[in-house]
């Protein structure tokens, strides 16, 4: 069925997808950075209740591919900045503000910490972060500013990402003792998941709905009873940046809270 009277933001998304999908490389450079900044601006309108399912079929069809392309670009960007920070002579954690989106992580982690404290009666001793990547910002921010006595277990399938992340914290006398890295596919992790009070699921673990739901089902099967799952989702046009998770995707979990960001929050993700 042909699309009729496509709104301007849908035309912008189609145009940006056409340009991004033709790039020879998604590694950081002026053109790549500019295109993804434009995509971000297009997907962050003041109106966040746009129903993506009612949009032009052509636009809906490119959504998963666009998320995958952006995920790859984010991976390259974090890898680049992790190498830059890791090459510094002093403690890399003193220079995290060199990363362009550092303040976004500060804001998002504060919201997640506040939600966490509202729904747990004790300070968690062990937290797992699934999909921590080469720049494990959430673990670092929570450990440094909010949970000074908690141990963080960072789980990622990519050995190079874990190596870079480990290097970032290796010269910090505190976090080098409280940040542990596991290289494994989360779907292969079973008994270890019962050790954690809280499990964070990164927004780019599972870059389509089916893969995301498979991971959620696995976590539900192997997490400890009464443990908390904290995951990131997206609403409206923001679901062209991250997979949107619906309450019905969380079978076996009791949903305690859903937080949708306002324009003033400075970050993209919803938090469940």
Protein backbone atom coordinates (compact mmCIF):
# COMPACT_ATOMS: atom_id res chain seq x y z
CA UNK A 1 0.00 0.00 0.00
CA UNK A 2 1.39 3.39 -0.97
CA UNK A 3 2.04 5.99 1.70
CA UNK A 4 0.05 9.19 1.32
CA UNK A 5 0.85 12.63 2.68
CA UNK A 6 3.91 11.46 4.60
CA UNK A 7 4.64 13.86 7.50
CA UNK A 8 7.87 15.80 7.28
CA UNK A 9 9.58 13.85 10.09
CA UNK A 10 8.87 10.56 8.31
CA UNK A 11 10.41 11.92 5.11
CA UNK A 12 13.43 13.03 7.15
CA UNK A 13 13.83 9.54 8.66
CA UNK A 14 13.63 7.91 5.20
CA UNK A 15 16.17 10.36 3.80
CA UNK A 16 18.57 9.86 6.71
CA UNK A 17 18.24 6.08 6.47
CA UNK A 18 19.06 6.21 2.76
CA UNK A 19 22.20 8.23 3.49
CA UNK A 20 23.31 6.17 6.51
CA UNK A 21 22.74 2.80 4.81
CA UNK A 22 25.03 3.87 1.96
CA UNK A 23 27.98 4.76 4.20
CA UNK A 24 31.05 2.61 3.59
CA UNK A 25 31.93 2.71 7.29
CA UNK A 26 30.12 3.67 10.49
CA UNK A 27 33.33 4.47 12.38
CA UNK A 28 33.50 7.98 13.89
CA UNK A 29 34.05 10.75 11.35
CA UNK A 30 32.43 14.08 10.57
CA UNK A 31 29.87 12.67 8.12
CA UNK A 32 28.83 9.74 10.33
CA UNK A 33 28.55 11.95 13.42
CA UNK A 34 26.51 14.58 11.55
CA UNK A 35 24.02 12.07 10.13
CA UNK A 36 23.38 10.40 13.48
CA UNK A 37 23.03 13.77 15.21
CA UNK A 38 20.42 14.69 12.61
CA UNK A 39 18.63 11.39 13.22
CA UNK A 40 18.65 12.09 16.96
CA UNK A 41 17.19 15.56 16.44
CA UNK A 42 14.47 14.17 14.17
CA UNK A 43 13.47 11.52 16.72
CA UNK A 44 13.31 13.82 19.75
CA UNK A 45 10.22 15.97 19.16
CA UNK A 46 8.23 17.45 22.03
CA UNK A 47 5.40 15.04 21.15
CA UNK A 48 6.48 11.60 22.37
CA UNK A 49 3.16 9.75 21.96
CA UNK A 50 3.42 9.25 18.19
CA UNK A 51 2.19 5.74 17.36
CA UNK A 52 4.91 4.23 15.20
CA UNK A 53 2.61 1.34 14.23
CA UNK A 54 0.36 3.84 12.40
CA UNK A 55 3.19 5.32 10.39
CA UNK A 56 3.87 4.70 6.72
CA UNK A 57 4.73 0.99 6.14
CA UNK A 58 7.94 2.00 4.37
CA UNK A 59 9.06 3.91 7.46
CA UNK A 60 8.13 1.05 9.78
CA UNK A 61 10.09 -1.39 7.59
CA UNK A 62 13.37 0.49 8.01
CA UNK A 63 13.11 0.87 11.78
CA UNK A 64 14.94 -2.34 12.78
CA UNK A 65 17.68 -1.75 10.21
CA UNK A 66 18.14 1.80 11.43
CA UNK A 67 18.49 0.60 15.04
CA UNK A 68 21.09 -1.97 13.93
CA UNK A 69 23.07 0.65 12.02
CA UNK A 70 23.00 3.04 14.95
CA UNK A 71 24.00 0.24 17.34
CA UNK A 72 27.04 -0.48 15.19
CA UNK A 73 27.95 3.21 15.06
CA UNK A 74 27.59 3.57 18.85
CA UNK A 75 29.85 0.55 19.31
CA UNK A 76 32.56 2.09 17.13
CA UNK A 77 32.22 5.45 18.90
CA UNK A 78 32.52 3.96 22.38
CA UNK A 79 35.46 1.83 21.27
CA UNK A 80 37.21 4.94 19.92
CA UNK A 81 36.71 6.99 23.09
CA UNK A 82 37.63 4.07 25.34
CA UNK A 83 40.95 3.78 23.52
CA UNK A 84 41.50 7.55 23.81
CA UNK A 85 40.78 7.58 27.54
CA UNK A 86 42.75 4.39 28.15
CA UNK A 87 45.84 5.93 26.54
CA UNK A 88 45.95 8.86 28.97
CA UNK A 89 48.80 8.93 31.48
CA UNK A 90 46.66 9.45 34.58
CA UNK A 91 43.39 7.88 35.73
CA UNK A 92 41.04 7.72 32.69
CA UNK A 93 38.00 8.08 34.96
CA UNK A 94 39.07 11.66 35.70
CA UNK A 95 38.40 12.53 32.06
CA UNK A 96 35.06 10.87 31.29
CA UNK A 97 33.65 14.24 30.29
CA UNK A 98 35.64 13.94 27.05
CA UNK A 99 32.87 11.62 25.86
CA UNK A 100 30.19 13.75 24.13
CA UNK A 101 27.23 12.09 25.88
CA UNK A 102 28.70 11.81 29.36
CA UNK A 103 26.19 14.21 30.94
CA UNK A 104 23.35 12.18 29.40
CA UNK A 105 24.62 9.12 31.27
CA UNK A 106 24.84 11.12 34.48
CA UNK A 107 21.19 12.15 34.14
CA UNK A 108 19.95 8.71 33.11
CA UNK A 109 21.86 6.92 35.87
CA UNK A 110 20.46 9.32 38.48
CA UNK A 111 16.91 8.49 37.35
CA UNK A 112 17.68 4.77 37.46
CA UNK A 113 19.25 5.04 40.90
CA UNK A 114 16.22 6.94 42.21
CA UNK A 115 13.87 4.29 40.82
CA UNK A 116 16.05 1.57 42.31
CA UNK A 117 15.97 3.07 45.79
CA UNK A 118 12.18 3.41 45.61
CA UNK A 119 11.73 -0.29 44.97
CA UNK A 120 14.29 -2.05 47.13
CA UNK A 121 14.54 -2.21 50.90
CA UNK A 122 18.31 -2.69 50.97
CA UNK A 123 21.37 -1.43 49.17
CA UNK A 124 22.30 -4.02 46.51
CA UNK A 125 25.65 -5.68 47.08
CA UNK A 126 26.05 -7.15 43.57
CA UNK A 127 24.73 -5.67 40.35
CA UNK A 128 25.06 -7.13 36.86
CA UNK A 129 25.08 -4.97 33.76
CA UNK A 130 24.34 -6.95 30.60
CA UNK A 131 25.84 -5.42 27.45
CA UNK A 132 28.30 -3.15 29.23
CA UNK A 133 30.49 -2.56 26.18
CA UNK A 134 33.84 -0.80 25.96
CA UNK A 135 32.55 2.25 27.88
CA UNK A 136 30.58 0.86 30.87
CA UNK A 137 29.25 4.29 31.83
CA UNK A 138 26.26 3.19 33.86
CA UNK A 139 28.32 0.89 36.07
CA UNK A 140 31.00 3.56 36.50
CA UNK A 141 28.56 6.37 37.32
CA UNK A 142 26.53 4.26 39.75
CA UNK A 143 29.70 2.96 41.44
CA UNK A 144 31.35 6.39 41.73
CA UNK A 145 28.40 8.58 42.69
CA UNK A 146 25.57 6.44 44.07
CA UNK A 147 26.62 2.97 45.26
CA UNK A 148 30.09 3.20 46.82
CA UNK A 149 29.99 -0.26 48.42
CA UNK A 150 28.43 -2.26 45.58
CA UNK A 151 30.29 -4.65 43.27
CA UNK A 152 29.46 -4.39 39.56
CA UNK A 153 29.69 -7.38 37.23
CA UNK A 154 29.83 -6.25 33.61
CA UNK A 155 28.75 -8.87 31.08
CA UNK A 156 29.52 -8.51 27.38
CA UNK A 157 29.90 -10.93 24.49
CA UNK A 158 32.83 -9.00 22.97
CA UNK A 159 36.26 -9.77 24.50
CA UNK A 160 37.81 -6.60 23.02
CA UNK A 161 35.08 -4.45 24.58
CA UNK A 162 35.73 -6.02 27.99
CA UNK A 163 39.48 -5.58 27.59
CA UNK A 164 39.07 -1.87 26.82
CA UNK A 165 36.58 -1.39 29.65
CA UNK A 166 38.83 -3.17 32.13
CA UNK A 167 41.70 -0.93 31.12
CA UNK A 168 39.58 2.15 31.88
CA UNK A 169 39.11 1.20 35.53
CA UNK A 170 42.45 -0.55 36.12
CA UNK A 171 44.16 2.61 37.42
CA UNK A 172 41.36 3.62 39.74
CA UNK A 173 42.13 2.31 43.26
CA UNK A 174 38.45 1.96 44.13
CA UNK A 175 36.70 0.79 40.97
CA UNK A 176 39.47 -1.60 39.98
CA UNK A 177 38.37 -3.66 42.99
CA UNK A 178 34.62 -3.31 42.43
CA UNK A 179 34.30 -3.77 38.67
CA UNK A 180 34.41 -7.34 37.34
CA UNK A 181 34.16 -8.28 33.66
CA UNK A 182 32.65 -11.44 32.19
CA UNK A 183 32.99 -12.28 28.50
CA UNK A 184 30.00 -14.40 27.56
CA UNK A 185 26.78 -14.46 25.60
CA UNK A 186 24.04 -13.63 28.12
CA UNK A 187 22.00 -16.55 26.76
CA UNK A 188 24.79 -18.87 27.98
CA UNK A 189 24.76 -17.37 31.49
CA UNK A 190 22.57 -19.37 33.88
CA UNK A 191 23.59 -20.04 37.49
CA UNK A 192 25.65 -16.84 37.71
CA UNK A 193 22.51 -14.73 37.23
CA UNK A 194 21.18 -15.89 40.60
CA UNK A 195 24.02 -14.06 42.34
CA UNK A 196 22.73 -10.56 41.60
CA UNK A 197 20.32 -8.32 43.48
CA UNK A 198 19.79 -6.20 40.37
CA UNK A 199 20.31 -6.86 36.65
CA UNK A 200 20.56 -3.97 34.20
CA UNK A 201 19.85 -4.74 30.54
CA UNK A 202 21.54 -2.33 28.12
CA UNK A 203 19.32 -0.75 25.48
CA UNK A 204 21.38 -2.13 22.59
CA UNK A 205 21.32 -5.77 23.72
CA UNK A 206 18.91 -7.25 21.21
CA UNK A 207 18.57 -4.80 18.33
CA UNK A 208 15.22 -6.20 17.22
CA UNK A 209 12.12 -7.08 19.21
CA UNK A 210 12.51 -10.86 18.90
CA UNK A 211 16.10 -10.86 20.17
CA UNK A 212 15.24 -8.48 23.02
CA UNK A 213 12.32 -10.65 24.15
CA UNK A 214 14.49 -13.77 24.01
CA UNK A 215 17.01 -12.15 26.39
CA UNK A 216 14.23 -10.99 28.72
CA UNK A 217 12.78 -14.52 28.84
CA UNK A 218 16.22 -15.93 29.65
CA UNK A 219 16.73 -13.43 32.48
CA UNK A 220 13.30 -14.23 33.91
CA UNK A 221 14.18 -17.94 33.95
CA UNK A 222 17.54 -17.55 35.70
CA UNK A 223 17.48 -14.43 37.89
CA UNK A 224 17.09 -14.86 41.63
CA UNK A 225 13.58 -14.64 43.09
CA UNK A 226 12.76 -11.03 44.08
CA UNK A 227 15.74 -9.69 42.14
CA UNK A 228 15.12 -6.49 40.19
CA UNK A 229 15.46 -6.09 36.42
CA UNK A 230 16.18 -2.58 35.17
CA UNK A 231 15.90 -2.13 31.42
CA UNK A 232 15.76 0.70 28.93
CA UNK A 233 13.14 1.15 26.28
CA UNK A 234 11.94 3.90 23.95
CA UNK A 235 8.64 5.54 23.09
CA UNK A 236 7.31 7.22 19.96
CA UNK A 237 9.90 8.30 17.41
CA UNK A 238 12.63 7.37 19.88
CA UNK A 239 11.95 3.76 18.94
CA UNK A 240 13.88 4.48 15.74
CA UNK A 241 16.94 4.73 18.00
CA UNK A 242 16.25 1.86 20.43
CA UNK A 243 13.94 -1.15 20.55
CA UNK A 244 10.68 -0.37 22.34
CA UNK A 245 9.77 -2.82 25.09
CA UNK A 246 6.09 -3.25 25.93
CA UNK A 247 4.77 -4.43 29.32
CA UNK A 248 3.50 -7.56 27.55
CA UNK A 249 7.12 -8.41 26.66
CA UNK A 250 7.93 -8.80 30.37
CA UNK A 251 6.09 -12.03 31.12
CA UNK A 252 7.01 -13.41 34.54
CA UNK A 253 8.01 -9.98 35.88
CA UNK A 254 5.99 -7.63 38.03
CA UNK A 255 6.30 -4.15 36.55
CA UNK A 256 7.05 -1.72 39.36
CA UNK A 257 7.63 1.50 37.43
CA UNK A 258 7.94 2.98 33.96
CA UNK A 259 9.67 6.32 33.48
CA UNK A 260 9.37 8.27 30.24
CA UNK A 261 11.82 11.16 29.85
CA UNK A 262 10.74 14.72 29.24
CA UNK A 263 12.51 17.06 26.84
CA UNK A 264 14.40 18.57 29.78
CA UNK A 265 15.84 15.24 30.94
CA UNK A 266 18.62 15.24 28.37
CA UNK A 267 18.44 11.52 27.50
CA UNK A 268 16.50 9.36 25.07
CA UNK A 269 15.55 6.17 26.90
CA UNK A 270 12.50 5.27 28.86
CA UNK A 271 13.29 3.18 31.95
CA UNK A 272 11.34 0.13 33.10
